Amino acid sequence: VRELCTEAVFERGEDYLDDGRISQLSRFGDTVTAGVVG
């Protein structure tokens, strides 16, 4: 995950996860769909 983004974006992503901003998450095989509230 760290390799896919800048350090600042990684930290914001951690904040979004910790704040419970993922509103929907589904997995179909290797495909994941999600809703995130920004």
PDB file of all heavy atoms in Angstrom:
ATOM      1  N   VAL A   1       0.846  -1.198   0.000  1.00  0.00           N
ATOM      2  CA  VAL A   1       0.000   0.000   0.000  1.00  0.00           C
ATOM      3  C   VAL A   1       0.881   1.247   0.000  1.00  0.00           C
ATOM      4  O   VAL A   1       0.632   2.192  -0.753  1.00  0.00           O
ATOM      5  CB  VAL A   1      -0.969   0.006   1.200  1.00  0.00           C
ATOM      6  CG1 VAL A   1      -1.811   1.272   1.203  1.00  0.00           C
ATOM      7  CG2 VAL A   1      -1.860  -1.234   1.190  1.00  0.00           C
ATOM      8  N   ARG A   2       1.919   1.268   0.814  1.00  0.00           N
ATOM      9  CA  ARG A   2       2.821   2.435   0.885  1.00  0.00           C
ATOM     10  C   ARG A   2       3.460   2.739  -0.468  1.00  0.00           C
ATOM     11  O   ARG A   2       3.689   3.898  -0.805  1.00  0.00           O
ATOM     12  CB  ARG A   2       3.926   2.201   1.906  1.00  0.00           C
ATOM     13  CG  ARG A   2       3.496   2.424   3.322  1.00  0.00           C
ATOM     14  CD  ARG A   2       4.719   2.312   4.253  1.00  0.00           C
ATOM     15  NE  ARG A   2       4.336   2.468   5.623  1.00  0.00           N
ATOM     16  CZ  ARG A   2       4.154   3.617   6.246  1.00  0.00           C
ATOM     17  NH1 ARG A   2       4.311   4.756   5.587  1.00  0.00           N
ATOM     18  NH2 ARG A   2       3.808   3.661   7.514  1.00  0.00           N
ATOM     19  N   GLU A   3       3.732   1.695  -1.244  1.00  0.00           N
ATOM     20  CA  GLU A   3       4.377   1.886  -2.550  1.00  0.00           C
ATOM     21  C   GLU A   3       3.441   2.516  -3.574  1.00  0.00           C
ATOM     22  O   GLU A   3       3.904   3.023  -4.598  1.00  0.00           O
ATOM     23  CB  GLU A   3       4.899   0.552  -3.076  1.00  0.00           C
ATOM     24  CG  GLU A   3       6.060   0.014  -2.273  1.00  0.00           C
ATOM     25  CD  GLU A   3       6.470  -1.380  -2.691  1.00  0.00           C
ATOM     26  OE1 GLU A   3       5.948  -1.902  -3.702  1.00  0.00           O
ATOM     27  OE2 GLU A   3       7.321  -1.970  -2.000  1.00  0.00           O
ATOM     28  N   LEU A   4       2.142   2.503  -3.313  1.00  0.00           N
ATOM     29  CA  LEU A   4       1.161   3.008  -4.274  1.00  0.00           C
ATOM     30  C   LEU A   4       0.865   4.494  -4.123  1.00  0.00           C
ATOM     31  O   LEU A   4       0.109   5.049  -4.927  1.00  0.00           O
ATOM     32  CB  LEU A   4      -0.153   2.231  -4.133  1.00  0.00           C
ATOM     33  CG  LEU A   4      -0.113   0.761  -4.501  1.00  0.00           C
ATOM     34  CD1 LEU A   4      -1.438   0.107  -4.172  1.00  0.00           C
ATOM     35  CD2 LEU A   4       0.222   0.595  -5.976  1.00  0.00           C
ATOM     36  N   CYS A   5       1.406   5.142  -3.094  1.00  0.00           N
ATOM     37  CA  CYS A   5       1.010   6.527  -2.821  1.00  0.00           C
ATOM     38  C   CYS A   5       2.146   7.295  -2.148  1.00  0.00           C
ATOM     39  O   CYS A   5       3.152   6.718  -1.763  1.00  0.00           O
ATOM     40  CB  CYS A   5      -0.230   6.545  -1.924  1.00  0.00           C
ATOM     41  SG  CYS A   5       0.044   5.766  -0.317  1.00  0.00           S
ATOM     42  N   THR A   6       1.912   8.582  -1.992  1.00  0.00           N
ATOM     43  CA  THR A   6       2.863   9.405  -1.258  1.00  0.00           C
ATOM     44  C   THR A   6       2.677   9.175   0.245  1.00  0.00           C
ATOM     45  O   THR A   6       1.639   8.647   0.678  1.00  0.00           O
ATOM     46  CB  THR A   6       2.655  10.900  -1.567  1.00  0.00           C
ATOM     47  OG1 THR A   6       1.383  11.297  -1.060  1.00  0.00           O
ATOM     48  CG2 THR A   6       2.748  11.190  -3.060  1.00  0.00           C
ATOM     49  N   GLU A   7       3.610   9.597   1.032  1.00  0.00           N
ATOM     50  CA  GLU A   7       3.511   9.433   2.484  1.00  0.00           C
ATOM     51  C   GLU A   7       2.334  10.227   3.052  1.00  0.00           C
ATOM     52  O   GLU A   7       1.617   9.757   3.928  1.00  0.00           O
ATOM     53  CB  GLU A   7       4.814   9.852   3.176  1.00  0.00           C
ATOM     54  CG  GLU A   7       4.841   9.562   4.661  1.00  0.00           C
ATOM     55  CD  GLU A   7       4.680   8.089   5.029  1.00  0.00           C
ATOM     56  OE1 GLU A   7       5.110   7.212   4.256  1.00  0.00           O
ATOM     57  OE2 GLU A   7       4.107   7.811   6.112  1.00  0.00           O
ATOM     58  N   ALA A   8       2.125  11.429   2.543  1.00  0.00           N
ATOM     59  CA  ALA A   8       1.005  12.252   3.027  1.00  0.00           C
ATOM     60  C   ALA A   8      -0.334  11.581   2.727  1.00  0.00           C
ATOM     61  O   ALA A   8      -1.233  11.561   3.574  1.00  0.00           O
ATOM     62  CB  ALA A   8       1.054  13.640   2.388  1.00  0.00           C
ATOM     63  N   VAL A   9      -0.472  11.020   1.537  1.00  0.00           N
ATOM     64  CA  VAL A   9      -1.714  10.330   1.175  1.00  0.00           C
ATOM     65  C   VAL A   9      -1.883   9.074   2.029  1.00  0.00           C
ATOM     66  O   VAL A   9      -2.988   8.764   2.473  1.00  0.00           O
ATOM     67  CB  VAL A   9      -1.745  10.002  -0.336  1.00  0.00           C
ATOM     68  CG1 VAL A   9      -2.890   9.066  -0.678  1.00  0.00           C
ATOM     69  CG2 VAL A   9      -1.842  11.283  -1.153  1.00  0.00           C
ATOM     70  N   PHE A  10      -0.791   8.359   2.290  1.00  0.00           N
ATOM     71  CA  PHE A  10      -0.870   7.176   3.141  1.00  0.00           C
ATOM     72  C   PHE A  10      -1.414   7.550   4.526  1.00  0.00           C
ATOM     73  O   PHE A  10      -2.309   6.889   5.051  1.00  0.00           O
ATOM     74  CB  PHE A  10       0.510   6.513   3.274  1.00  0.00           C
ATOM     75  CG  PHE A  10       0.481   5.247   4.070  1.00  0.00           C
ATOM     76  CD1 PHE A  10       0.161   4.039   3.477  1.00  0.00           C
ATOM     77  CD2 PHE A  10       0.774   5.262   5.425  1.00  0.00           C
ATOM     78  CE1 PHE A  10       0.117   2.865   4.213  1.00  0.00           C
ATOM     79  CE2 PHE A  10       0.735   4.094   6.179  1.00  0.00           C
ATOM     80  CZ  PHE A  10       0.410   2.900   5.566  1.00  0.00           C
ATOM     81  N   GLU A  11      -0.889   8.619   5.094  1.00  0.00           N
ATOM     82  CA  GLU A  11      -1.350   9.063   6.418  1.00  0.00           C
ATOM     83  C   GLU A  11      -2.823   9.466   6.398  1.00  0.00           C
ATOM     84  O   GLU A  11      -3.568   9.144   7.318  1.00  0.00           O
ATOM     85  CB  GLU A  11      -0.475  10.218   6.912  1.00  0.00           C
ATOM     86  CG  GLU A  11       0.924   9.773   7.271  1.00  0.00           C
ATOM     87  CD  GLU A  11       1.865  10.910   7.593  1.00  0.00           C
ATOM     88  OE1 GLU A  11       1.404  12.074   7.701  1.00  0.00           O
ATOM     89  OE2 GLU A  11       3.080  10.649   7.729  1.00  0.00           O
ATOM     90  N   ARG A  12      -3.262  10.141   5.343  1.00  0.00           N
ATOM     91  CA  ARG A  12      -4.678  10.520   5.225  1.00  0.00           C
ATOM     92  C   ARG A  12      -5.544   9.270   5.068  1.00  0.00           C
ATOM     93  O   ARG A  12      -6.633   9.196   5.621  1.00  0.00           O
ATOM     94  CB  ARG A  12      -4.886  11.473   4.044  1.00  0.00           C
ATOM     95  CG  ARG A  12      -4.261  12.826   4.241  1.00  0.00           C
ATOM     96  CD  ARG A  12      -4.935  13.654   5.312  1.00  0.00           C
ATOM     97  NE  ARG A  12      -6.265  14.018   4.882  1.00  0.00           N
ATOM     98  CZ  ARG A  12      -7.334  14.090   5.665  1.00  0.00           C
ATOM     99  NH1 ARG A  12      -7.226  13.835   6.944  1.00  0.00           N
ATOM    100  NH2 ARG A  12      -8.497  14.421   5.185  1.00  0.00           N
ATOM    101  N   GLY A  13      -5.059   8.294   4.323  1.00  0.00           N
ATOM    102  CA  GLY A  13      -5.786   7.042   4.174  1.00  0.00           C
ATOM    103  C   GLY A  13      -5.942   6.332   5.511  1.00  0.00           C
ATOM    104  O   GLY A  13      -7.009   5.793   5.825  1.00  0.00           O
ATOM    105  N   GLU A  14      -4.879   6.350   6.322  1.00  0.00           N
ATOM    106  CA  GLU A  14      -4.966   5.771   7.674  1.00  0.00           C
ATOM    107  C   GLU A  14      -6.031   6.496   8.496  1.00  0.00           C
ATOM    108  O   GLU A  14      -6.809   5.857   9.205  1.00  0.00           O
ATOM    109  CB  GLU A  14      -3.614   5.880   8.397  1.00  0.00           C
ATOM    110  CG  GLU A  14      -2.573   4.917   7.918  1.00  0.00           C
ATOM    111  CD  GLU A  14      -1.278   5.081   8.699  1.00  0.00           C
ATOM    112  OE1 GLU A  14      -0.785   6.228   8.847  1.00  0.00           O
ATOM    113  OE2 GLU A  14      -0.757   4.055   9.167  1.00  0.00           O
ATOM    114  N   ASP A  15      -6.049   7.830   8.391  1.00  0.00           N
ATOM    115  CA  ASP A  15      -7.052   8.622   9.116  1.00  0.00           C
ATOM    116  C   ASP A  15      -8.464   8.257   8.664  1.00  0.00           C
ATOM    117  O   ASP A  15      -9.365   8.098   9.489  1.00  0.00           O
ATOM    118  CB  ASP A  15      -6.829  10.119   8.906  1.00  0.00           C
ATOM    119  CG  ASP A  15      -5.567  10.641   9.578  1.00  0.00           C
ATOM    120  OD1 ASP A  15      -5.028   9.944  10.473  1.00  0.00           O
ATOM    121  OD2 ASP A  15      -5.119  11.739   9.203  1.00  0.00           O
ATOM    122  N   TYR A  16      -8.660   8.117   7.359  1.00  0.00           N
ATOM    123  CA  TYR A  16      -9.982   7.757   6.839  1.00  0.00           C
ATOM    124  C   TYR A  16     -10.413   6.389   7.352  1.00  0.00           C
ATOM    125  O   TYR A  16     -11.573   6.202   7.718  1.00  0.00           O
ATOM    126  CB  TYR A  16      -9.979   7.787   5.304  1.00  0.00           C
ATOM    127  CG  TYR A  16     -10.364   9.126   4.731  1.00  0.00           C
ATOM    128  CD1 TYR A  16      -9.753  10.303   5.155  1.00  0.00           C
ATOM    129  CD2 TYR A  16     -11.344   9.220   3.765  1.00  0.00           C
ATOM    130  CE1 TYR A  16     -10.113  11.519   4.639  1.00  0.00           C
ATOM    131  CE2 TYR A  16     -11.711  10.450   3.231  1.00  0.00           C
ATOM    132  CZ  TYR A  16     -11.097  11.590   3.668  1.00  0.00           C
ATOM    133  OH  TYR A  16     -11.478  12.804   3.160  1.00  0.00           O
ATOM    134  N   LEU A  17      -9.502   5.448   7.388  1.00  0.00           N
ATOM    135  CA  LEU A  17      -9.816   4.121   7.921  1.00  0.00           C
ATOM    136  C   LEU A  17     -10.171   4.220   9.398  1.00  0.00           C
ATOM    137  O   LEU A  17     -11.206   3.698   9.841  1.00  0.00           O
ATOM    138  CB  LEU A  17      -8.642   3.164   7.714  1.00  0.00           C
ATOM    139  CG  LEU A  17      -8.811   1.772   8.292  1.00  0.00           C
ATOM    140  CD1 LEU A  17      -9.980   1.031   7.645  1.00  0.00           C
ATOM    141  CD2 LEU A  17      -7.522   0.978   8.125  1.00  0.00           C
ATOM    142  N   ASP A  18      -9.341   4.907  10.172  1.00  0.00           N
ATOM    143  CA  ASP A  18      -9.570   5.041  11.616  1.00  0.00           C
ATOM    144  C   ASP A  18     -10.865   5.783  11.931  1.00  0.00           C
ATOM    145  O   ASP A  18     -11.509   5.502  12.945  1.00  0.00           O
ATOM    146  CB  ASP A  18      -8.390   5.764  12.285  1.00  0.00           C
ATOM    147  CG  ASP A  18      -7.107   4.961  12.257  1.00  0.00           C
ATOM    148  OD1 ASP A  18      -7.162   3.728  12.029  1.00  0.00           O
ATOM    149  OD2 ASP A  18      -6.036   5.564  12.454  1.00  0.00           O
ATOM    150  N   ASP A  19     -11.255   6.722  11.061  1.00  0.00           N
ATOM    151  CA  ASP A  19     -12.474   7.501  11.271  1.00  0.00           C
ATOM    152  C   ASP A  19     -13.736   6.759  10.826  1.00  0.00           C
ATOM    153  O   ASP A  19     -14.835   7.293  10.942  1.00  0.00           O
ATOM    154  CB  ASP A  19     -12.401   8.837  10.518  1.00  0.00           C
ATOM    155  CG  ASP A  19     -11.372   9.795  11.113  1.00  0.00           C
ATOM    156  OD1 ASP A  19     -10.904   9.555  12.240  1.00  0.00           O
ATOM    157  OD2 ASP A  19     -11.032  10.787  10.424  1.00  0.00           O
ATOM    158  N   GLY A  20     -13.572   5.562  10.283  1.00  0.00           N
ATOM    159  CA  GLY A  20     -14.733   4.783   9.854  1.00  0.00           C
ATOM    160  C   GLY A  20     -15.415   5.332   8.614  1.00  0.00           C
ATOM    161  O   GLY A  20     -16.632   5.243   8.481  1.00  0.00           O
ATOM    162  N   ARG A  21     -14.662   5.888   7.690  1.00  0.00           N
ATOM    163  CA  ARG A  21     -15.247   6.517   6.502  1.00  0.00           C
ATOM    164  C   ARG A  21     -15.595   5.527   5.389  1.00  0.00           C
ATOM    165  O   ARG A  21     -16.186   5.917   4.380  1.00  0.00           O
ATOM    166  CB  ARG A  21     -14.322   7.594   5.973  1.00  0.00           C
ATOM    167  CG  ARG A  21     -14.238   8.785   6.909  1.00  0.00           C
ATOM    168  CD  ARG A  21     -13.287   9.811   6.337  1.00  0.00           C
ATOM    169  NE  ARG A  21     -13.199  10.981   7.163  1.00  0.00           N
ATOM    170  CZ  ARG A  21     -13.670  12.169   6.798  1.00  0.00           C
ATOM    171  NH1 ARG A  21     -14.271  12.329   5.648  1.00  0.00           N
ATOM    172  NH2 ARG A  21     -13.528  13.199   7.591  1.00  0.00           N
ATOM    173  N   ILE A  22     -15.238   4.250   5.547  1.00  0.00           N
ATOM    174  CA  ILE A  22     -15.617   3.261   4.546  1.00  0.00           C
ATOM    175  C   ILE A  22     -17.065   2.873   4.822  1.00  0.00           C
ATOM    176  O   ILE A  22     -17.377   2.296   5.856  1.00  0.00           O
ATOM    177  CB  ILE A  22     -14.689   2.028   4.596  1.00  0.00           C
ATOM    178  CG1 ILE A  22     -13.244   2.450   4.308  1.00  0.00           C
ATOM    179  CG2 ILE A  22     -15.171   0.961   3.609  1.00  0.00           C
ATOM    180  CD1 ILE A  22     -12.219   1.364   4.544  1.00  0.00           C
ATOM    181  N   SER A  23     -17.939   3.229   3.878  1.00  0.00           N
ATOM    182  CA  SER A  23     -19.375   3.040   4.109  1.00  0.00           C
ATOM    183  C   SER A  23     -19.901   1.733   3.531  1.00  0.00           C
ATOM    184  O   SER A  23     -20.958   1.267   3.928  1.00  0.00           O
ATOM    185  CB  SER A  23     -20.157   4.213   3.507  1.00  0.00           C
ATOM    186  OG  SER A  23     -19.941   4.286   2.112  1.00  0.00           O
ATOM    187  N   GLN A  24     -19.200   1.149   2.620  1.00  0.00           N
ATOM    188  CA  GLN A  24     -19.625  -0.085   1.969  1.00  0.00           C
ATOM    189  C   GLN A  24     -18.390  -0.786   1.459  1.00  0.00           C
ATOM    190  O   GLN A  24     -17.459  -0.146   0.978  1.00  0.00           O
ATOM    191  CB  GLN A  24     -20.590   0.257   0.821  1.00  0.00           C
ATOM    192  CG  GLN A  24     -21.039  -0.899  -0.043  1.00  0.00           C
ATOM    193  CD  GLN A  24     -20.128  -1.166  -1.225  1.00  0.00           C
ATOM    194  OE1 GLN A  24     -19.508  -0.270  -1.773  1.00  0.00           O
ATOM    195  NE2 GLN A  24     -20.013  -2.417  -1.603  1.00  0.00           N
ATOM    196  N   LEU A  25     -18.354  -2.118   1.586  1.00  0.00           N
ATOM    197  CA  LEU A  25     -17.211  -2.889   1.109  1.00  0.00           C
ATOM    198  C   LEU A  25     -17.702  -4.259   0.690  1.00  0.00           C
ATOM    199  O   LEU A  25     -18.342  -4.967   1.479  1.00  0.00           O
ATOM    200  CB  LEU A  25     -16.169  -3.016   2.223  1.00  0.00           C
ATOM    201  CG  LEU A  25     -14.862  -3.721   1.887  1.00  0.00           C
ATOM    202  CD1 LEU A  25     -14.050  -2.888   0.893  1.00  0.00           C
ATOM    203  CD2 LEU A  25     -14.045  -3.947   3.142  1.00  0.00           C
ATOM    204  N   SER A  26     -17.447  -4.627  -0.563  1.00  0.00           N
ATOM    205  CA  SER A  26     -17.850  -5.931  -1.085  1.00  0.00           C
ATOM    206  C   SER A  26     -16.710  -6.518  -1.893  1.00  0.00           C
ATOM    207  O   SER A  26     -15.954  -5.783  -2.542  1.00  0.00           O
ATOM    208  CB  SER A  26     -19.074  -5.806  -1.998  1.00  0.00           C
ATOM    209  OG  SER A  26     -20.165  -5.276  -1.301  1.00  0.00           O
ATOM    210  N   ARG A  27     -16.624  -7.844  -1.858  1.00  0.00           N
ATOM    211  CA  ARG A  27     -15.586  -8.535  -2.625  1.00  0.00           C
ATOM    212  C   ARG A  27     -16.234  -9.608  -3.484  1.00  0.00           C
ATOM    213  O   ARG A  27     -17.038 -10.403  -2.999  1.00  0.00           O
ATOM    214  CB  ARG A  27     -14.583  -9.176  -1.680  1.00  0.00           C
ATOM    215  CG  ARG A  27     -13.547 -10.003  -2.396  1.00  0.00           C
ATOM    216  CD  ARG A  27     -12.568 -10.624  -1.423  1.00  0.00           C
ATOM    217  NE  ARG A  27     -11.882 -11.712  -2.077  1.00  0.00           N
ATOM    218  CZ  ARG A  27     -11.559 -12.844  -1.517  1.00  0.00           C
ATOM    219  NH1 ARG A  27     -11.841 -13.050  -0.251  1.00  0.00           N
ATOM    220  NH2 ARG A  27     -10.950 -13.773  -2.190  1.00  0.00           N
ATOM    221  N   PHE A  28     -15.891  -9.592  -4.765  1.00  0.00           N
ATOM    222  CA  PHE A  28     -16.343 -10.595  -5.718  1.00  0.00           C
ATOM    223  C   PHE A  28     -15.099 -11.135  -6.400  1.00  0.00           C
ATOM    224  O   PHE A  28     -14.567 -10.486  -7.300  1.00  0.00           O
ATOM    225  CB  PHE A  28     -17.315  -9.994  -6.731  1.00  0.00           C
ATOM    226  CG  PHE A  28     -18.540  -9.414  -6.072  1.00  0.00           C
ATOM    227  CD1 PHE A  28     -18.586  -8.080  -5.708  1.00  0.00           C
ATOM    228  CD2 PHE A  28     -19.630 -10.222  -5.798  1.00  0.00           C
ATOM    229  CE1 PHE A  28     -19.704  -7.551  -5.086  1.00  0.00           C
ATOM    230  CE2 PHE A  28     -20.753  -9.701  -5.178  1.00  0.00           C
ATOM    231  CZ  PHE A  28     -20.793  -8.372  -4.816  1.00  0.00           C
ATOM    232  N   GLY A  29     -14.610 -12.289  -5.940  1.00  0.00           N
ATOM    233  CA  GLY A  29     -13.347 -12.818  -6.442  1.00  0.00           C
ATOM    234  C   GLY A  29     -12.216 -11.901  -6.029  1.00  0.00           C
ATOM    235  O   GLY A  29     -12.054 -11.591  -4.851  1.00  0.00           O
ATOM    236  N   ASP A  30     -11.459 -11.433  -7.020  1.00  0.00           N
ATOM    237  CA  ASP A  30     -10.337 -10.534  -6.746  1.00  0.00           C
ATOM    238  C   ASP A  30     -10.699  -9.060  -6.913  1.00  0.00           C
ATOM    239  O   ASP A  30      -9.828  -8.204  -6.878  1.00  0.00           O
ATOM    240  CB  ASP A  30      -9.161 -10.863  -7.656  1.00  0.00           C
ATOM    241  CG  ASP A  30      -8.514 -12.188  -7.304  1.00  0.00           C
ATOM    242  OD1 ASP A  30      -8.432 -12.501  -6.105  1.00  0.00           O
ATOM    243  OD2 ASP A  30      -8.102 -12.913  -8.232  1.00  0.00           O
ATOM    244  N   THR A  31     -11.991  -8.784  -7.115  1.00  0.00           N
ATOM    245  CA  THR A  31     -12.447  -7.402  -7.284  1.00  0.00           C
ATOM    246  C   THR A  31     -13.159  -6.928  -6.025  1.00  0.00           C
ATOM    247  O   THR A  31     -14.045  -7.608  -5.515  1.00  0.00           O
ATOM    248  CB  THR A  31     -13.397  -7.293  -8.491  1.00  0.00           C
ATOM    249  OG1 THR A  31     -12.718  -7.759  -9.660  1.00  0.00           O
ATOM    250  CG2 THR A  31     -13.842  -5.855  -8.700  1.00  0.00           C
ATOM    251  N   VAL A  32     -12.744  -5.768  -5.542  1.00  0.00           N
ATOM    252  CA  VAL A  32     -13.347  -5.168  -4.357  1.00  0.00           C
ATOM    253  C   VAL A  32     -14.002  -3.857  -4.782  1.00  0.00           C
ATOM    254  O   VAL A  32     -13.391  -3.053  -5.494  1.00  0.00           O
ATOM    255  CB  VAL A  32     -12.285  -4.903  -3.276  1.00  0.00           C
ATOM    256  CG1 VAL A  32     -12.868  -4.122  -2.114  1.00  0.00           C
ATOM    257  CG2 VAL A  32     -11.672  -6.212  -2.797  1.00  0.00           C
ATOM    258  N   THR A  33     -15.247  -3.668  -4.372  1.00  0.00           N
ATOM    259  CA  THR A  33     -15.922  -2.391  -4.576  1.00  0.00           C
ATOM    260  C   THR A  33     -16.172  -1.789  -3.200  1.00  0.00           C
ATOM    261  O   THR A  33     -16.366  -2.514  -2.224  1.00  0.00           O
ATOM    262  CB  THR A  33     -17.257  -2.547  -5.334  1.00  0.00           C
ATOM    263  OG1 THR A  33     -18.115  -3.404  -4.596  1.00  0.00           O
ATOM    264  CG2 THR A  33     -17.034  -3.090  -6.728  1.00  0.00           C
ATOM    265  N   ALA A  34     -16.145  -0.477  -3.151  1.00  0.00           N
ATOM    266  CA  ALA A  34     -16.314   0.184  -1.854  1.00  0.00           C
ATOM    267  C   ALA A  34     -16.883   1.576  -2.042  1.00  0.00           C
ATOM    268  O   ALA A  34     -16.788   2.168  -3.119  1.00  0.00           O
ATOM    269  CB  ALA A  34     -14.969   0.268  -1.132  1.00  0.00           C
ATOM    270  N   GLY A  35     -17.450   2.075  -0.976  1.00  0.00           N
ATOM    271  CA  GLY A  35     -17.868   3.459  -0.882  1.00  0.00           C
ATOM    272  C   GLY A  35     -17.104   4.086   0.266  1.00  0.00           C
ATOM    273  O   GLY A  35     -16.958   3.479   1.327  1.00  0.00           O
ATOM    274  N   VAL A  36     -16.573   5.258   0.033  1.00  0.00           N
ATOM    275  CA  VAL A  36     -15.820   5.973   1.064  1.00  0.00           C
ATOM    276  C   VAL A  36     -16.358   7.391   1.125  1.00  0.00           C
ATOM    277  O   VAL A  36     -16.533   8.049   0.099  1.00  0.00           O
ATOM    278  CB  VAL A  36     -14.305   5.994   0.758  1.00  0.00           C
ATOM    279  CG1 VAL A  36     -13.547   6.771   1.816  1.00  0.00           C
ATOM    280  CG2 VAL A  36     -13.754   4.574   0.652  1.00  0.00           C
ATOM    281  N   VAL A  37     -16.624   7.861   2.336  1.00  0.00           N
ATOM    282  CA  VAL A  37     -17.156   9.201   2.518  1.00  0.00           C
ATOM    283  C   VAL A  37     -16.004  10.168   2.755  1.00  0.00           C
ATOM    284  O   VAL A  37     -15.268  10.052   3.729  1.00  0.00           O
ATOM    285  CB  VAL A  37     -18.154   9.242   3.697  1.00  0.00           C
ATOM    286  CG1 VAL A  37     -18.675  10.647   3.894  1.00  0.00           C
ATOM    287  CG2 VAL A  37     -19.287   8.256   3.473  1.00  0.00           C
ATOM    288  N   GLY A  38     -15.864  11.102   1.833  1.00  0.00           N
ATOM    289  CA  GLY A  38     -14.894  12.186   1.968  1.00  0.00           C
ATOM    290  C   GLY A  38     -15.677  13.474   2.090  1.00  0.00           C
ATOM    291  O   GLY A  38     -16.618  13.563   2.875  1.00  0.00           O
TER     292      GLY A  38
END
